[in-house]
Protein backbone atom coordinates (compact mmCIF):
# COMPACT_ATOMS: atom_id res chain seq x y z
CA UNK A 1 217.22 331.09 -72.94
CA UNK A 2 219.55 330.17 -75.79
CA UNK A 3 222.30 332.07 -74.04
CA UNK A 4 221.68 330.15 -70.80
CA UNK A 5 221.87 326.82 -72.66
CA UNK A 6 225.13 327.85 -74.33
CA UNK A 7 226.60 328.86 -70.96
CA UNK A 8 225.44 325.59 -69.37
CA UNK A 9 226.85 323.53 -72.21
CA UNK A 10 230.13 325.47 -72.07
CA UNK A 11 230.45 324.87 -68.30
CA UNK A 12 229.57 321.21 -68.75
CA UNK A 13 232.19 320.88 -71.49
CA UNK A 14 234.79 322.60 -69.29
CA UNK A 15 234.15 320.28 -66.33
CA UNK A 16 234.15 317.21 -68.59
CA UNK A 17 237.47 318.23 -70.14
CA UNK A 18 238.90 318.99 -66.70
CA UNK A 19 237.77 315.59 -65.39
CA UNK A 20 239.21 313.86 -68.46
CA UNK A 21 242.50 315.75 -68.06
CA UNK A 22 242.76 314.86 -64.36
CA UNK A 23 241.98 311.23 -65.14
CA UNK A 24 244.60 311.18 -67.89
CA UNK A 25 247.20 312.80 -65.63
CA UNK A 26 246.52 310.22 -62.93
CA UNK A 27 246.80 307.44 -65.49
CA UNK A 28 250.10 308.80 -66.79
CA UNK A 29 251.48 309.16 -63.26
CA UNK A 30 250.59 305.55 -62.49
CA UNK A 31 252.25 304.46 -65.74
CA UNK A 32 255.44 306.26 -64.73
CA UNK A 33 255.42 304.76 -61.22
CA UNK A 34 254.74 301.27 -62.55
CA UNK A 35 257.45 301.47 -65.21
CA UNK A 36 260.10 302.73 -62.77
CA UNK A 37 259.20 300.00 -60.27
CA UNK A 38 260.17 297.39 -62.88
CA UNK A 39 263.06 299.25 -64.52
CA UNK A 40 266.40 297.48 -63.93
CA UNK A 41 268.21 300.83 -63.64
CA UNK A 42 267.36 304.55 -63.32
CA UNK A 43 265.85 306.23 -66.40
CA UNK A 44 266.20 309.71 -67.88
CA UNK A 45 263.34 312.07 -68.78
CA UNK A 46 263.75 311.77 -72.54
CA UNK A 47 263.96 307.98 -72.48
CA UNK A 48 260.91 307.73 -70.22
CA UNK A 49 258.96 310.13 -72.45
CA UNK A 50 259.85 308.05 -75.51
CA UNK A 51 258.87 304.78 -73.82
CA UNK A 52 255.51 306.19 -72.66
CA UNK A 53 254.96 308.18 -75.88
CA UNK A 54 254.77 311.50 -74.03
CA UNK A 55 256.30 314.94 -74.71
CA UNK A 56 259.46 315.59 -72.69
CA UNK A 57 257.94 318.66 -70.99
CA UNK A 58 254.86 316.69 -69.86
CA UNK A 59 257.01 313.82 -68.65
CA UNK A 60 259.17 316.23 -66.64
CA UNK A 61 256.13 317.85 -64.99
CA UNK A 62 254.71 314.47 -63.98
CA UNK A 63 258.07 313.36 -62.60
CA UNK A 64 258.46 316.54 -60.55
CA UNK A 65 254.98 316.07 -59.04
CA UNK A 66 255.79 312.45 -58.17
CA UNK A 67 259.14 313.52 -56.73
CA UNK A 68 257.45 315.97 -54.37
CA UNK A 69 255.36 313.07 -53.04
CA UNK A 70 258.52 310.86 -52.73
CA UNK A 71 257.08 308.35 -55.21
CA UNK A 72 260.13 308.81 -57.44
CA UNK A 73 263.64 310.02 -56.70
CA UNK A 74 266.59 311.35 -58.69
CA UNK A 75 269.91 309.55 -58.43
CA UNK A 76 273.44 310.06 -59.69
CA UNK A 77 275.10 313.06 -61.33
CA UNK A 78 272.81 312.88 -64.35
CA UNK A 79 269.68 313.09 -62.20
CA UNK A 80 268.08 309.92 -63.55
CA UNK A 81 264.80 308.76 -62.05
CA UNK A 82 264.06 305.68 -59.94
CA UNK A 83 261.30 304.52 -57.61
CA UNK A 84 261.00 306.57 -54.41
CA UNK A 85 261.10 305.35 -50.82
CA UNK A 86 257.41 306.10 -50.28
CA UNK A 87 256.48 303.24 -52.60
CA UNK A 88 258.14 300.84 -50.20
CA UNK A 89 256.26 302.40 -47.29
CA UNK A 90 252.93 302.08 -49.11
CA UNK A 91 253.70 298.46 -49.99
CA UNK A 92 254.60 297.74 -46.36
CA UNK A 93 251.37 299.38 -45.16
CA UNK A 94 249.34 297.23 -47.53
CA UNK A 95 251.21 294.08 -46.52
CA UNK A 96 250.76 294.87 -42.82
CA UNK A 97 247.02 295.37 -43.20
CA UNK A 98 246.35 292.27 -45.28
CA UNK A 99 249.05 289.82 -44.15
CA UNK A 100 251.18 290.77 -41.15
CA UNK A 101 248.48 291.66 -38.61
CA UNK A 102 246.03 288.82 -39.46
CA UNK A 103 248.84 286.27 -39.53
CA UNK A 104 250.51 287.52 -36.35
CA UNK A 105 247.39 287.92 -34.20
CA UNK A 106 246.92 284.23 -33.23
CA UNK A 107 250.56 284.02 -32.17
CA UNK A 108 250.29 287.21 -30.11
CA UNK A 109 247.36 285.73 -28.22
CA UNK A 110 249.21 282.45 -27.67
CA UNK A 111 252.36 284.18 -26.46
CA UNK A 112 250.42 286.48 -24.11
CA UNK A 113 248.61 283.47 -22.64
CA UNK A 114 251.87 281.53 -22.40
CA UNK A 115 253.69 284.23 -20.43
CA UNK A 116 250.95 286.33 -18.86
CA UNK A 117 252.72 289.41 -20.26
CA UNK A 118 251.69 291.87 -23.00
CA UNK A 119 252.95 291.18 -26.52
CA UNK A 120 253.21 293.77 -29.29
CA UNK A 121 254.10 293.89 -32.98
CA UNK A 122 256.03 297.04 -33.88
CA UNK A 123 257.09 298.41 -37.28
CA UNK A 124 259.35 301.26 -38.35
CA UNK A 125 257.78 304.30 -40.02
CA UNK A 126 260.31 306.96 -40.90
CA UNK A 127 262.30 307.59 -37.74
CA UNK A 128 259.65 306.20 -35.39
CA UNK A 129 258.47 302.82 -34.15
CA UNK A 130 254.70 302.22 -34.41
CA UNK A 131 252.46 299.67 -32.71
CA UNK A 132 250.33 297.78 -35.28
CA UNK A 133 248.96 294.92 -33.15
CA UNK A 134 249.05 293.75 -29.56
CA UNK A 135 247.67 291.29 -27.01
CA UNK A 136 247.40 292.25 -23.35
CA UNK A 137 248.80 290.11 -20.57
CA UNK A 138 246.71 288.55 -17.83
CA UNK A 139 248.44 290.19 -14.84
CA UNK A 140 246.65 292.99 -13.02
CA UNK A 141 249.80 295.11 -13.48
CA UNK A 142 250.54 294.97 -17.22
CA UNK A 143 251.67 297.13 -20.13
CA UNK A 144 248.99 298.45 -22.50
CA UNK A 145 249.71 300.13 -25.85
CA UNK A 146 247.01 302.28 -27.41
CA UNK A 147 246.16 301.86 -31.10
CA UNK A 148 248.64 303.72 -33.28
CA UNK A 149 251.11 304.34 -30.44
CA UNK A 150 254.48 305.58 -31.70
CA UNK A 151 257.84 306.51 -30.24
CA UNK A 152 261.47 307.16 -31.28
CA UNK A 153 263.46 304.36 -32.90
CA UNK A 154 266.42 304.87 -30.58
CA UNK A 155 264.52 303.76 -27.45
CA UNK A 156 263.19 300.41 -26.30
CA UNK A 157 263.93 296.87 -27.42
CA UNK A 158 261.69 296.95 -30.49
CA UNK A 159 262.92 300.37 -31.60
CA UNK A 160 266.60 299.43 -31.32
CA UNK A 161 265.99 296.10 -33.07
CA UNK A 162 264.35 297.84 -36.04
CA UNK A 163 267.02 300.55 -36.07
CA UNK A 164 269.80 297.94 -36.09
CA UNK A 165 268.57 296.75 -39.51
CA UNK A 166 268.25 300.21 -41.09
CA UNK A 167 270.80 301.81 -43.38
CA UNK A 168 273.79 303.66 -41.94
CA UNK A 169 272.36 306.90 -43.31
CA UNK A 170 269.06 306.34 -41.49
CA UNK A 171 270.84 305.45 -38.24
CA UNK A 172 272.81 308.71 -38.38
CA UNK A 173 269.65 310.72 -39.07
CA UNK A 174 267.76 309.06 -36.19
CA UNK A 175 270.60 309.70 -33.76
CA UNK A 176 270.90 313.31 -34.93
CA UNK A 177 267.21 313.81 -34.15
CA UNK A 178 267.57 312.05 -30.81
CA UNK A 179 270.37 314.24 -29.47
CA UNK A 180 268.31 317.34 -30.32
CA UNK A 181 264.98 316.03 -29.00
CA UNK A 182 263.11 317.51 -26.05
CA UNK A 183 264.64 316.64 -22.65
CA UNK A 184 262.11 313.88 -21.92
CA UNK A 185 262.99 312.08 -25.17
CA UNK A 186 266.60 313.18 -25.63
CA UNK A 187 269.20 310.59 -26.59
CA UNK A 188 272.05 311.00 -24.12
CA UNK A 189 274.18 307.95 -24.97
CA UNK A 190 274.59 308.02 -28.76
CA UNK A 191 277.94 306.21 -28.76
CA UNK A 192 276.59 303.42 -26.57
CA UNK A 193 273.65 302.99 -28.94
CA UNK A 194 275.95 302.85 -31.97
CA UNK A 195 278.04 300.13 -30.35
CA UNK A 196 274.93 298.18 -29.35
CA UNK A 197 273.32 297.96 -32.81
CA UNK A 198 275.84 295.51 -34.39
CA UNK A 199 275.47 293.21 -31.35
CA UNK A 200 271.68 293.25 -31.76
CA UNK A 201 272.02 292.21 -35.40
CA UNK A 202 274.40 289.37 -34.52
CA UNK A 203 272.44 287.80 -31.67
CA UNK A 204 268.99 288.30 -33.24
CA UNK A 205 267.21 289.99 -30.33
CA UNK A 206 267.17 293.18 -28.27
CA UNK A 207 266.54 293.94 -24.59
CA UNK A 208 265.76 297.17 -22.79
CA UNK A 209 265.22 298.07 -19.15
CA UNK A 210 263.54 301.33 -18.20
CA UNK A 211 264.24 303.08 -21.53
CA UNK A 212 260.66 304.01 -22.43
CA UNK A 213 259.29 303.98 -18.89
CA UNK A 214 261.01 303.46 -15.57
CA UNK A 215 260.32 300.04 -14.10
CA UNK A 216 259.40 298.37 -17.40
CA UNK A 217 261.46 295.93 -19.46
CA UNK A 218 261.05 294.52 -22.96
CA UNK A 219 262.48 291.83 -25.22
CA UNK A 220 262.17 292.04 -29.02
CA UNK A 221 262.96 289.66 -31.89
CA UNK A 222 262.72 290.17 -35.67
CA UNK A 223 259.77 289.14 -37.84
CA UNK A 224 261.02 288.48 -41.37
CA UNK A 225 258.91 288.97 -44.48
CA UNK A 226 258.54 286.44 -47.31
CA UNK A 227 261.66 287.96 -48.89
CA UNK A 228 263.53 287.20 -45.62
CA UNK A 229 264.04 290.92 -44.99
CA UNK A 230 263.17 292.47 -41.64
CA UNK A 231 259.49 293.43 -41.63
CA UNK A 232 258.61 294.06 -37.99
CA UNK A 233 259.48 293.25 -34.39
CA UNK A 234 257.57 291.16 -31.90
CA UNK A 235 258.15 292.34 -28.36
CA UNK A 236 257.29 291.16 -24.85
CA UNK A 237 256.64 293.91 -22.29
CA UNK A 238 256.29 293.75 -18.52
CA UNK A 239 257.48 295.10 -15.18
CA UNK A 240 261.22 294.69 -14.70
CA UNK A 241 260.88 292.55 -11.53
CA UNK A 242 258.97 289.91 -13.53
CA UNK A 243 261.06 290.14 -16.72
CA UNK A 244 264.67 290.79 -15.84
CA UNK A 245 265.57 290.31 -12.19
CA UNK A 246 265.86 286.52 -12.35
CA UNK A 247 268.37 285.55 -15.04
CA UNK A 248 266.91 282.11 -15.71
CA UNK A 249 263.49 283.56 -16.48
CA UNK A 250 265.01 286.27 -18.70
CA UNK A 251 266.84 283.72 -20.83
CA UNK A 252 263.69 281.61 -21.14
CA UNK A 253 261.68 284.64 -22.23
CA UNK A 254 264.33 285.58 -24.81
CA UNK A 255 264.12 282.10 -26.32
CA UNK A 256 260.34 282.19 -26.30
CA UNK A 257 260.23 285.62 -27.98
CA UNK A 258 262.61 284.43 -30.71
CA UNK A 259 260.52 281.27 -31.15
CA UNK A 260 257.33 283.23 -31.74
CA UNK A 261 259.13 285.63 -34.08
CA UNK A 262 260.15 282.62 -36.15
CA UNK A 263 256.60 281.24 -36.12
CA UNK A 264 255.13 284.51 -37.39
CA UNK A 265 257.85 284.72 -40.06
CA UNK A 266 257.11 281.15 -41.16
CA UNK A 267 253.38 281.89 -41.31
CA UNK A 268 254.03 284.89 -43.57
CA UNK A 269 256.28 282.79 -45.81
CA UNK A 270 253.63 280.06 -46.00
CA UNK A 271 251.03 282.66 -46.95
CA UNK A 272 253.25 283.96 -49.72
CA UNK A 273 253.93 280.44 -51.02
CA UNK A 274 250.21 279.62 -50.99
CA UNK A 275 249.47 282.80 -52.94
CA UNK A 276 252.09 281.94 -55.55
CA UNK A 277 250.76 278.37 -55.81
CA UNK A 278 247.22 279.60 -56.28
CA UNK A 279 248.29 282.01 -59.02
CA UNK A 280 250.15 279.20 -60.78
CA UNK A 281 247.13 276.91 -60.56
CA UNK A 282 244.76 279.62 -61.74
CA UNK A 283 246.97 280.43 -64.72
CA UNK A 284 246.95 276.76 -65.69
CA UNK A 285 243.13 276.59 -65.32
CA UNK A 286 243.37 274.30 -62.31
CA UNK A 287 241.06 275.19 -59.45
CA UNK A 288 242.99 275.49 -56.14
CA UNK A 289 241.93 273.44 -53.15
CA UNK A 290 240.05 275.27 -50.42
CA UNK A 291 242.14 276.11 -47.35
CA UNK A 292 240.96 276.99 -43.87
CA UNK A 293 240.41 280.70 -43.27
CA UNK A 294 242.74 280.67 -40.29
CA UNK A 295 245.72 278.45 -39.64
CA UNK A 296 247.20 278.44 -36.15
CA UNK A 297 250.53 276.81 -35.41
CA UNK A 298 250.69 274.09 -32.76
CA UNK A 299 250.75 275.56 -29.27
CA UNK A 300 254.18 275.69 -27.60
CA UNK A 301 255.08 274.03 -24.34
CA UNK A 302 253.17 275.32 -21.30
CA UNK A 303 256.17 275.00 -18.94
CA UNK A 304 257.05 278.68 -18.95
CA UNK A 305 253.42 279.78 -19.12
CA UNK A 306 252.60 277.84 -15.97
CA UNK A 307 255.14 279.86 -13.97
CA UNK A 308 254.02 283.20 -15.34
CA UNK A 309 250.27 282.85 -15.76
CA UNK A 310 249.82 281.67 -12.17
CA UNK A 311 251.99 284.45 -10.80
CA UNK A 312 253.96 281.91 -8.82
CA UNK A 313 256.80 284.06 -7.58
């Protein structure tokens, strides 16, 4: 019996120490990630160990584990450490879930009602474009995107718009993947795409006809985050005969898509400003005024929507 108690206590002590060690390791890893996210320049292992009061060997092991998960990266000839690209992706995912989608949804519904066509918000994840929110059009023949739909960045209006704002290194990597893709997805006009991207950045929108599916057209415009950097694309999708065959309607739809992109961007900026104002008021012990749970911008003109929603052509 005494032996059984000793064994039980030994096992309990082992598991407690293991749990404490894992908790400490997680805490240290978070400290490293947080420090590097605020560091003005890359940091070496020894300096980071000294700042966090950790042995150099332990600091190195933690950094290598974080590097494998792309939470930190090594830069320069000296191999100093800085925040990894995955941190930005995680931050974007959090922002999308709590700000982008809730703020964009009312405008998607308005735009879909205004035009009768399907409207989608797309974001870039790695070398792909991903649907994060959408509103279906009212026409019997309409485009429907399933939840979580994804496709290559080098195809479609939204994909090319997002690609046009990526780094030169990313553009080259995406094109390299495209030219080696399976026949159904293969990029066959790499030079044309490269020449098109600067024009997309200049004019502030992108158009595609039959790139993702024959007979379908799309128009995309950029949604900017509170930092005025590209966050996502809002895109209008529909059959080519309704979208592109009549030039006057195409130009009107381009303007409308850009208008709604601006409205979503402004709503995100307002949300950010409200958050900052509330933090300032809270820090000064002033209770913030209550705001409505949902704020919807004034509805745009119904002129275009009348033509499209009634199917009058």
